[in-house]
C-alpha atoms as a PDB file:
ATOM      1  CA  MET A   1     -69.309 200.443 164.649  1.00  0.00           C
ATOM      2  CA  LYS A   2     -71.373 200.152 161.443  1.00  0.00           C
ATOM      3  CA  ALA A   3     -74.462 201.346 163.297  1.00  0.00           C
ATOM      4  CA  LEU A   4     -72.630 204.335 164.779  1.00  0.00           C
ATOM      5  CA  LEU A   5     -71.191 205.324 161.404  1.00  0.00           C
ATOM      6  CA  THR A   6     -74.697 205.132 159.944  1.00  0.00           C
ATOM      7  CA  GLU A   7     -76.085 207.333 162.708  1.00  0.00           C
ATOM      8  CA  ALA A   8     -73.334 209.902 162.178  1.00  0.00           C
ATOM      9  CA  ILE A   9     -73.917 209.990 158.411  1.00  0.00           C
ATOM     10  CA  GLY A  10     -77.685 210.313 158.765  1.00  0.00           C
ATOM     11  CA  ALA A  11     -77.451 213.080 161.363  1.00  0.00           C
ATOM     12  CA  PHE A  12     -74.851 214.841 159.218  1.00  0.00           C
ATOM     13  CA  PHE A  13     -77.047 215.020 156.134  1.00  0.00           C
ATOM     14  CA  LEU A  14     -80.165 215.907 158.118  1.00  0.00           C
ATOM     15  CA  VAL A  15     -78.434 218.864 159.788  1.00  0.00           C
ATOM     16  CA  LEU A  16     -76.727 219.859 156.542  1.00  0.00           C
ATOM     17  CA  ALA A  17     -80.112 220.005 154.797  1.00  0.00           C
ATOM     18  CA  ILE A  18     -81.611 222.035 157.641  1.00  0.00           C
ATOM     19  CA  GLY A  19     -78.736 224.492 157.877  1.00  0.00           C
ATOM     20  CA  LEU A  20     -78.307 225.113 154.174  1.00  0.00           C
ATOM     21  CA  SER A  21     -82.049 225.381 153.490  1.00  0.00           C
ATOM     22  CA  VAL A  22     -82.649 227.833 156.316  1.00  0.00           C
ATOM     23  CA  ASN A  23     -79.501 229.923 155.833  1.00  0.00           C
ATOM     24  CA  VAL A  24     -80.133 230.475 152.116  1.00  0.00           C
ATOM     25  CA  GLY A  25     -83.852 231.044 152.635  1.00  0.00           C
ATOM     26  CA  ALA A  26     -84.945 228.130 150.450  1.00  0.00           C
ATOM     27  CA  PRO A  27     -88.717 228.441 149.844  1.00  0.00           C
ATOM     28  CA  LEU A  28     -89.196 224.671 150.170  1.00  0.00           C
ATOM     29  CA  ALA A  29     -86.931 224.228 153.183  1.00  0.00           C
ATOM     30  CA  ALA A  30     -89.386 222.015 155.076  1.00  0.00           C
ATOM     31  CA  LEU A  31     -89.748 219.700 152.089  1.00  0.00           C
ATOM     32  CA  ALA A  32     -85.972 219.471 151.593  1.00  0.00           C
ATOM     33  CA  ILE A  33     -85.545 218.592 155.272  1.00  0.00           C
ATOM     34  CA  GLY A  34     -88.292 215.986 155.243  1.00  0.00           C
ATOM     35  CA  LEU A  35     -87.050 214.394 152.031  1.00  0.00           C
ATOM     36  CA  THR A  36     -83.476 214.246 153.314  1.00  0.00           C
ATOM     37  CA  LEU A  37     -84.600 212.516 156.485  1.00  0.00           C
ATOM     38  CA  MET A  38     -86.774 210.138 154.461  1.00  0.00           C
ATOM     39  CA  VAL A  39     -83.974 208.953 152.168  1.00  0.00           C
ATOM     40  CA  MET A  40     -81.492 208.664 155.033  1.00  0.00           C
ATOM     41  CA  VAL A  41     -84.012 206.571 156.990  1.00  0.00           C
ATOM     42  CA  TYR A  42     -84.456 204.257 154.018  1.00  0.00           C
ATOM     43  CA  ALA A  43     -80.678 204.062 153.567  1.00  0.00           C
ATOM     44  CA  GLY A  44     -79.747 203.381 157.177  1.00  0.00           C
ATOM     45  CA  GLY A  45     -82.782 201.723 158.713  1.00  0.00           C
ATOM     46  CA  ARG A  46     -81.506 198.175 158.202  1.00  0.00           C
ATOM     47  CA  ILE A  47     -78.154 198.988 159.819  1.00  0.00           C
ATOM     48  CA  SER A  48     -78.816 201.209 162.838  1.00  0.00           C
ATOM     49  CA  GLY A  49     -82.560 201.754 162.946  1.00  0.00           C
ATOM     50  CA  ALA A  50     -81.956 205.213 161.473  1.00  0.00           C
ATOM     51  CA  HIS A  51     -82.680 207.346 164.523  1.00  0.00           C
ATOM     52  CA  TYR A  52     -80.421 210.322 163.693  1.00  0.00           C
ATOM     53  CA  ASN A  53     -81.890 211.990 166.782  1.00  0.00           C
ATOM     54  CA  PRO A  54     -80.819 211.604 170.432  1.00  0.00           C
ATOM     55  CA  ALA A  55     -84.390 212.087 171.633  1.00  0.00           C
ATOM     56  CA  VAL A  56     -85.664 209.295 169.384  1.00  0.00           C
ATOM     57  CA  SER A  57     -82.885 207.010 170.634  1.00  0.00           C
ATOM     58  CA  ILE A  58     -83.825 207.765 174.246  1.00  0.00           C
ATOM     59  CA  GLY A  59     -87.487 207.179 173.447  1.00  0.00           C
ATOM     60  CA  LEU A  60     -86.607 203.822 171.893  1.00  0.00           C
ATOM     61  CA  VAL A  61     -84.713 202.836 175.040  1.00  0.00           C
ATOM     62  CA  VAL A  62     -87.893 203.603 177.021  1.00  0.00           C
ATOM     63  CA  ARG A  63     -89.941 201.668 174.454  1.00  0.00           C
ATOM     64  CA  GLY A  64     -87.508 198.723 174.676  1.00  0.00           C
ATOM     65  CA  ALA A  65     -86.342 198.783 171.056  1.00  0.00           C
ATOM     66  CA  LEU A  66     -82.766 199.922 171.793  1.00  0.00           C
ATOM     67  CA  PRO A  67     -80.570 198.395 174.517  1.00  0.00           C
ATOM     68  CA  ALA A  68     -79.579 201.018 177.080  1.00  0.00           C
ATOM     69  CA  GLY A  69     -75.941 199.981 176.708  1.00  0.00           C
ATOM     70  CA  LYS A  70     -75.918 201.240 173.112  1.00  0.00           C
ATOM     71  CA  LEU A  71     -77.371 204.651 173.909  1.00  0.00           C
ATOM     72  CA  ALA A  72     -74.144 206.538 174.654  1.00  0.00           C
ATOM     73  CA  GLY A  73     -72.593 205.446 171.365  1.00  0.00           C
ATOM     74  CA  TYR A  74     -75.680 206.471 169.413  1.00  0.00           C
ATOM     75  CA  LEU A  75     -75.771 209.897 171.074  1.00  0.00           C
ATOM     76  CA  GLY A  76     -72.085 210.493 170.456  1.00  0.00           C
ATOM     77  CA  ALA A  77     -72.363 209.546 166.792  1.00  0.00           C
ATOM     78  CA  GLN A  78     -75.440 211.712 166.244  1.00  0.00           C
ATOM     79  CA  PHE A  79     -73.848 214.775 167.826  1.00  0.00           C
ATOM     80  CA  ALA A  80     -70.600 214.228 165.935  1.00  0.00           C
ATOM     81  CA  GLY A  81     -72.444 214.142 162.622  1.00  0.00           C
ATOM     82  CA  ALA A  82     -74.541 217.177 163.526  1.00  0.00           C
ATOM     83  CA  ILE A  83     -71.573 219.295 164.611  1.00  0.00           C
ATOM     84  CA  ALA A  84     -69.580 218.379 161.489  1.00  0.00           C
ATOM     85  CA  ALA A  85     -72.552 219.413 159.347  1.00  0.00           C
ATOM     86  CA  GLY A  86     -72.965 222.640 161.316  1.00  0.00           C
ATOM     87  CA  LEU A  87     -69.366 223.593 160.585  1.00  0.00           C
ATOM     88  CA  LEU A  88     -69.872 222.837 156.901  1.00  0.00           C
ATOM     89  CA  VAL A  89     -73.012 224.990 156.820  1.00  0.00           C
ATOM     90  CA  TRP A  90     -70.908 227.853 158.185  1.00  0.00           C
ATOM     91  CA  LYS A  91     -68.263 227.285 155.504  1.00  0.00           C
ATOM     92  CA  PHE A  92     -70.816 227.138 152.684  1.00  0.00           C
ATOM     93  CA  THR A  93     -73.002 230.076 153.721  1.00  0.00           C
ATOM     94  CA  GLY A  94     -70.723 232.271 155.826  1.00  0.00           C
ATOM     95  CA  GLN A  95     -73.083 232.010 158.790  1.00  0.00           C
ATOM     96  CA  PRO A  96     -73.537 229.245 161.343  1.00  0.00           C
ATOM     97  CA  MET A  97     -76.943 227.656 161.675  1.00  0.00           C
ATOM     98  CA  HIS A  98     -78.928 229.477 164.354  1.00  0.00           C
ATOM     99  CA  VAL A  99     -81.828 227.566 165.900  1.00  0.00           C
ATOM    100  CA  ALA A 100     -84.105 229.668 168.096  1.00  0.00           C
ATOM    101  CA  PRO A 101     -87.761 230.088 168.997  1.00  0.00           C
ATOM    102  CA  ALA A 102     -89.667 233.066 167.627  1.00  0.00           C
ATOM    103  CA  GLU A 103     -89.021 236.309 169.480  1.00  0.00           C
ATOM    104  CA  MET A 104     -92.434 236.278 171.174  1.00  0.00           C
ATOM    105  CA  THR A 105     -92.264 232.581 172.138  1.00  0.00           C
ATOM    106  CA  THR A 106     -91.802 232.052 175.874  1.00  0.00           C
ATOM    107  CA  ALA A 107     -89.656 229.294 177.322  1.00  0.00           C
ATOM    108  CA  LEU A 108     -92.768 227.396 178.395  1.00  0.00           C
ATOM    109  CA  LYS A 109     -94.301 227.580 174.913  1.00  0.00           C
ATOM    110  CA  ALA A 110     -91.018 226.532 173.336  1.00  0.00           C
ATOM    111  CA  ILE A 111     -90.722 223.529 175.652  1.00  0.00           C
ATOM    112  CA  ALA A 112     -94.330 222.535 175.041  1.00  0.00           C
ATOM    113  CA  GLY A 113     -94.100 222.893 171.271  1.00  0.00           C
ATOM    114  CA  GLU A 114     -90.827 221.005 170.906  1.00  0.00           C
ATOM    115  CA  ALA A 115     -92.024 218.270 173.262  1.00  0.00           C
ATOM    116  CA  VAL A 116     -95.368 217.851 171.486  1.00  0.00           C
ATOM    117  CA  TRP A 117     -93.934 217.521 168.004  1.00  0.00           C
ATOM    118  CA  THR A 118     -91.052 215.325 169.100  1.00  0.00           C
ATOM    119  CA  PHE A 119     -93.684 213.123 170.709  1.00  0.00           C
ATOM    120  CA  ALA A 120     -95.346 212.917 167.289  1.00  0.00           C
ATOM    121  CA  LEU A 121     -92.049 212.065 165.595  1.00  0.00           C
ATOM    122  CA  ALA A 122     -91.037 209.378 168.100  1.00  0.00           C
ATOM    123  CA  TYR A 123     -94.598 207.991 168.167  1.00  0.00           C
ATOM    124  CA  VAL A 124     -94.553 207.592 164.388  1.00  0.00           C
ATOM    125  CA  VAL A 125     -91.074 206.025 164.438  1.00  0.00           C
ATOM    126  CA  MET A 126     -92.158 203.495 167.038  1.00  0.00           C
ATOM    127  CA  HIS A 127     -95.315 202.494 165.199  1.00  0.00           C
ATOM    128  CA  VAL A 128     -93.970 202.312 161.645  1.00  0.00           C
ATOM    129  CA  ALA A 129     -90.413 201.111 162.300  1.00  0.00           C
ATOM    130  CA  THR A 130     -90.480 199.049 165.513  1.00  0.00           C
ATOM    131  CA  SER A 131     -93.922 197.483 165.791  1.00  0.00           C
ATOM    132  CA  LYS A 132     -94.434 193.830 164.866  1.00  0.00           C
ATOM    133  CA  ALA A 133     -97.806 194.803 163.374  1.00  0.00           C
ATOM    134  CA  THR A 134     -96.128 196.949 160.706  1.00  0.00           C
ATOM    135  CA  GLU A 135     -92.948 194.912 160.266  1.00  0.00           C
ATOM    136  CA  GLY A 136     -91.646 194.847 156.693  1.00  0.00           C
ATOM    137  CA  ASN A 137     -93.673 197.829 155.495  1.00  0.00           C
ATOM    138  CA  SER A 138     -92.342 200.027 152.685  1.00  0.00           C
ATOM    139  CA  TYR A 139     -93.627 203.375 153.936  1.00  0.00           C
ATOM    140  CA  PHE A 140     -91.692 203.846 157.200  1.00  0.00           C
ATOM    141  CA  GLY A 141     -89.206 206.335 155.753  1.00  0.00           C
ATOM    142  CA  LEU A 142     -91.923 208.402 154.108  1.00  0.00           C
ATOM    143  CA  ALA A 143     -93.960 208.543 157.309  1.00  0.00           C
ATOM    144  CA  ILE A 144     -90.976 209.636 159.399  1.00  0.00           C
ATOM    145  CA  GLY A 145     -89.711 212.214 156.905  1.00  0.00           C
ATOM    146  CA  MET A 146     -93.122 213.778 156.386  1.00  0.00           C
ATOM    147  CA  THR A 147     -93.698 214.015 160.141  1.00  0.00           C
ATOM    148  CA  VAL A 148     -90.628 216.219 160.377  1.00  0.00           C
ATOM    149  CA  ALA A 149     -91.632 218.230 157.290  1.00  0.00           C
ATOM    150  CA  ALA A 150     -95.086 218.844 158.754  1.00  0.00           C
ATOM    151  CA  GLY A 151     -93.557 219.883 162.065  1.00  0.00           C
ATOM    152  CA  ALA A 152     -91.165 222.285 160.347  1.00  0.00           C
ATOM    153  CA  ILE A 153     -94.126 223.970 158.650  1.00  0.00           C
ATOM    154  CA  ALA A 154     -96.564 223.954 161.557  1.00  0.00           C
ATOM    155  CA  MET A 155     -94.362 224.366 164.628  1.00  0.00           C
ATOM    156  CA  GLY A 156     -91.091 225.675 163.188  1.00  0.00           C
ATOM    157  CA  PRO A 157     -92.139 229.349 163.082  1.00  0.00           C
ATOM    158  CA  ILE A 158     -93.040 229.145 166.782  1.00  0.00           C
ATOM    159  CA  THR A 159     -90.314 227.022 168.396  1.00  0.00           C
ATOM    160  CA  GLY A 160     -87.560 226.851 165.772  1.00  0.00           C
ATOM    161  CA  GLY A 161     -88.626 223.347 164.779  1.00  0.00           C
ATOM    162  CA  ALA A 162     -85.641 221.291 165.933  1.00  0.00           C
ATOM    163  CA  PHE A 163     -87.417 218.256 167.466  1.00  0.00           C
ATOM    164  CA  ASN A 164     -83.913 216.897 167.852  1.00  0.00           C
ATOM    165  CA  PRO A 165     -81.181 217.746 170.400  1.00  0.00           C
ATOM    166  CA  ALA A 166     -78.482 217.120 167.792  1.00  0.00           C
ATOM    167  CA  VAL A 167     -80.016 219.901 165.701  1.00  0.00           C
ATOM    168  CA  GLY A 168     -80.732 222.512 168.383  1.00  0.00           C
ATOM    169  CA  VAL A 169     -77.892 221.842 170.802  1.00  0.00           C
ATOM    170  CA  GLY A 170     -75.492 220.958 167.995  1.00  0.00           C
ATOM    171  CA  ALA A 171     -76.114 224.343 166.386  1.00  0.00           C
ATOM    172  CA  ALA A 172     -75.498 226.090 169.699  1.00  0.00           C
ATOM    173  CA  ILE A 173     -72.221 224.209 170.186  1.00  0.00           C
ATOM    174  CA  VAL A 174     -71.002 225.247 166.732  1.00  0.00           C
ATOM    175  CA  GLU A 175     -71.932 228.871 167.438  1.00  0.00           C
ATOM    176  CA  MET A 176     -70.011 228.807 170.709  1.00  0.00           C
ATOM    177  CA  VAL A 177     -66.975 227.215 169.038  1.00  0.00           C
ATOM    178  CA  LEU A 178     -67.040 230.021 166.459  1.00  0.00           C
ATOM    179  CA  GLY A 179     -67.303 232.671 169.168  1.00  0.00           C
ATOM    180  CA  ARG A 180     -70.926 233.511 168.356  1.00  0.00           C
ATOM    181  CA  GLU A 181     -73.847 233.864 170.745  1.00  0.00           C
ATOM    182  CA  PRO A 182     -76.312 230.955 170.644  1.00  0.00           C
ATOM    183  CA  ALA A 183     -80.016 231.463 171.253  1.00  0.00           C
ATOM    184  CA  PRO A 184     -80.776 232.216 174.928  1.00  0.00           C
ATOM    185  CA  LEU A 185     -83.256 229.323 174.939  1.00  0.00           C
ATOM    186  CA  TRP A 186     -80.896 226.821 173.301  1.00  0.00           C
ATOM    187  CA  TRP A 187     -81.295 224.568 176.340  1.00  0.00           C
ATOM    188  CA  VAL A 188     -84.930 223.980 175.387  1.00  0.00           C
ATOM    189  CA  TYR A 189     -83.684 221.732 172.579  1.00  0.00           C
ATOM    190  CA  ALA A 190     -81.857 219.554 175.105  1.00  0.00           C
ATOM    191  CA  VAL A 191     -84.848 219.134 177.403  1.00  0.00           C
ATOM    192  CA  ALA A 192     -88.107 219.275 175.464  1.00  0.00           C
ATOM    193  CA  PRO A 193     -87.424 216.694 172.723  1.00  0.00           C
ATOM    194  CA  VAL A 194     -86.312 214.150 175.317  1.00  0.00           C
ATOM    195  CA  LEU A 195     -89.504 214.696 177.319  1.00  0.00           C
ATOM    196  CA  GLY A 196     -91.607 214.248 174.208  1.00  0.00           C
ATOM    197  CA  ALA A 197     -89.842 211.131 172.962  1.00  0.00           C
ATOM    198  CA  ALA A 198     -89.743 209.458 176.375  1.00  0.00           C
ATOM    199  CA  THR A 199     -93.473 210.081 176.768  1.00  0.00           C
ATOM    200  CA  ALA A 200     -94.051 208.528 173.342  1.00  0.00           C
ATOM    201  CA  GLY A 201     -92.182 205.438 174.533  1.00  0.00           C
ATOM    202  CA  VAL A 202     -94.457 205.118 177.559  1.00  0.00           C
ATOM    203  CA  VAL A 203     -97.583 205.598 175.450  1.00  0.00           C
ATOM    204  CA  PHE A 204     -96.407 203.068 172.855  1.00  0.00           C
ATOM    205  CA  LYS A 205     -95.756 200.431 175.522  1.00  0.00           C
ATOM    206  CA  PHE A 206     -99.254 201.011 176.928  1.00  0.00           C
ATOM    207  CA  GLN A 207    -100.840 200.683 173.499  1.00  0.00           C
ATOM    208  CA  GLU A 208     -98.925 197.516 172.686  1.00  0.00           C
ATOM    209  CA  SER A 209     -99.487 195.838 176.049  1.00  0.00           C
END
């Protein structure tokens, strides 16, 4: 229960930072998002592993760092936190968070971009937070947070920069609950991050074997 509460809190603040930063047009949105993830990872890493991302959790099951029996609870907690944050973003800004690829981005490009950067995120998580070779390091939160910040800057303008089903799908769920129209390609955020993170798990196991 402590781990699930931690996952819900971390996902909540991550999505809250994303939604508020984007909706108000904060000039340093990517930095705010990365820093929020960093501090939440440092806060919750010892309790739950600080995934805050269903794709990362799935990748860690593939990698062997999370028992498959715990996955459903982690996913439920992450989505609960994300949806609660999405509703709060709507209350604070008057608009729900809308996650969507750029207008000229095709479904294939969106899938590829989200998968590639989620691979990077999960790959970093696995190496800095689950590897025996880096056990006890003090930089894991910084590495994870800055991976997301870099992705938001580099890939965000193309794919929407979710790299996390709780962010992309969670935003779509909130929009539907509020009677709004989610992005036509919202489903990309359910598929692509999982592909990327699962691939990272396979690659990590090969590298560590």
